[in-house]
Protein backbone atom coordinates (compact mmCIF):
# COMPACT_ATOMS: atom_id res chain seq x y z
CA MET A 1 4.41 -75.41 -2.56
CA VAL A 2 6.66 -72.37 -2.84
CA GLU A 3 5.40 -69.08 -1.45
CA ASN A 4 6.97 -65.81 -2.50
CA VAL A 5 6.35 -62.61 -0.57
CA ILE A 6 5.95 -59.30 -2.36
CA TRP A 7 6.04 -56.19 -0.21
CA PRO A 8 4.78 -52.85 -1.62
CA ALA A 9 8.25 -51.42 -0.91
CA TYR A 10 9.69 -53.66 -3.65
CA ILE A 11 8.00 -51.61 -6.37
CA ASP A 12 7.62 -48.19 -4.68
CA ALA A 13 9.25 -45.44 -6.77
CA ALA A 14 9.64 -43.17 -3.74
CA LEU A 15 12.10 -45.56 -2.09
CA THR A 16 15.76 -46.12 -2.83
CA ARG A 17 17.28 -49.54 -3.43
CA ARG A 18 18.79 -49.35 0.04
CA LYS A 19 15.33 -48.86 1.54
CA GLY A 20 13.90 -51.89 -0.24
CA ARG A 21 13.00 -51.13 -3.85
CA ARG A 22 13.91 -54.07 -6.12
CA VAL A 23 12.98 -52.76 -9.56
CA PRO A 24 14.48 -49.89 -11.57
CA ARG A 25 12.92 -46.52 -10.74
CA ASP A 26 11.49 -46.29 -14.28
CA ASP A 27 9.51 -49.51 -13.70
CA ALA A 28 8.40 -48.62 -10.16
CA VAL A 29 5.11 -46.92 -9.24
CA GLU A 30 4.22 -44.34 -6.59
CA GLU A 31 2.66 -45.76 -3.42
CA PRO A 32 1.54 -49.21 -4.60
CA THR A 33 -1.18 -50.92 -2.58
CA VAL A 34 -1.50 -54.60 -1.73
CA GLU A 35 -4.76 -54.72 -3.70
CA GLU A 36 -2.99 -53.52 -6.86
CA ILE A 37 -0.19 -56.00 -6.30
CA ALA A 38 -2.67 -58.86 -5.77
CA LYS A 39 -4.49 -57.98 -9.02
CA ALA A 40 -1.16 -57.87 -10.87
CA VAL A 41 -0.15 -61.26 -9.44
CA GLN A 42 -3.43 -62.74 -10.67
CA GLN A 43 -2.84 -61.17 -14.11
CA VAL A 44 0.57 -62.86 -14.21
CA GLY A 45 -1.21 -66.17 -13.52
CA TYR A 46 -0.59 -67.01 -9.88
CA ASP A 47 -2.72 -67.11 -6.75
CA ALA A 48 -2.38 -64.18 -4.34
CA VAL A 49 -3.15 -63.94 -0.64
CA VAL A 50 -3.25 -60.44 0.88
CA GLU A 51 -2.06 -59.98 4.47
CA ARG A 52 -2.90 -56.43 5.54
CA ASP A 53 -1.58 -56.64 9.11
CA LYS A 54 2.12 -57.02 8.19
CA THR A 55 4.86 -54.40 8.19
CA TYR A 56 7.96 -54.43 6.00
CA PRO A 57 11.00 -54.58 8.31
CA ARG A 58 12.53 -51.35 6.92
CA GLU A 59 9.34 -49.30 7.26
CA TRP A 60 7.25 -48.03 10.15
CA GLU A 61 3.84 -47.86 8.53
CA GLN A 62 1.80 -51.01 8.08
CA ARG A 63 1.08 -51.49 4.34
CA GLY A 64 0.68 -55.26 4.29
CA ARG A 65 2.16 -57.86 1.95
CA VAL A 66 1.08 -60.28 -0.77
CA LEU A 67 1.87 -63.99 -0.67
CA VAL A 68 2.23 -65.52 -4.13
CA LYS A 69 1.40 -69.21 -4.33
CA GLY A 70 2.38 -71.60 -7.08
CA ALA A 71 5.26 -69.60 -8.55
CA GLU A 72 7.76 -72.48 -8.70
CA ASP A 73 8.46 -71.88 -12.38
CA SER A 74 9.87 -68.34 -12.03
CA THR A 75 12.47 -66.56 -9.96
CA LYS A 76 11.48 -63.96 -7.39
CA ASN A 77 13.20 -61.21 -9.37
CA ASP A 78 11.26 -62.09 -12.54
CA LEU A 79 8.03 -62.19 -10.53
CA VAL A 80 8.61 -58.77 -8.96
CA GLN A 81 9.51 -57.26 -12.35
CA ALA A 82 6.31 -58.66 -13.92
CA VAL A 83 4.15 -57.47 -11.03
CA ALA A 84 5.62 -53.96 -11.24
CA ALA A 85 4.88 -53.85 -14.97
CA TYR A 86 1.28 -54.99 -14.47
CA VAL A 87 0.66 -52.49 -11.65
CA ALA A 88 1.82 -49.71 -13.98
CA ILE A 89 -0.53 -51.02 -16.70
CA LEU A 90 -3.45 -51.25 -14.26
CA ARG A 91 -2.95 -47.60 -13.31
CA ASP A 92 -3.05 -46.40 -16.92
């Protein structure tokens, strides 16, 4: 089973691409949480496991990460794009 990892930094609008953001700034959201990301992953149709005690290697603060299980049928980039879109929808 393939596991993809989604860090909050991937969709954080406050970060630059060099600091870890993977989506265009227009699609990113301010300060995403692992709970929002997990809900978005479930909306996309995959299982999510939240690990709160993890720290993204380029950051100092511990924000956690989300493991996505069962996403063999999509690329990581497509998955991150979809999650960012759903987090923005959940906030509206």
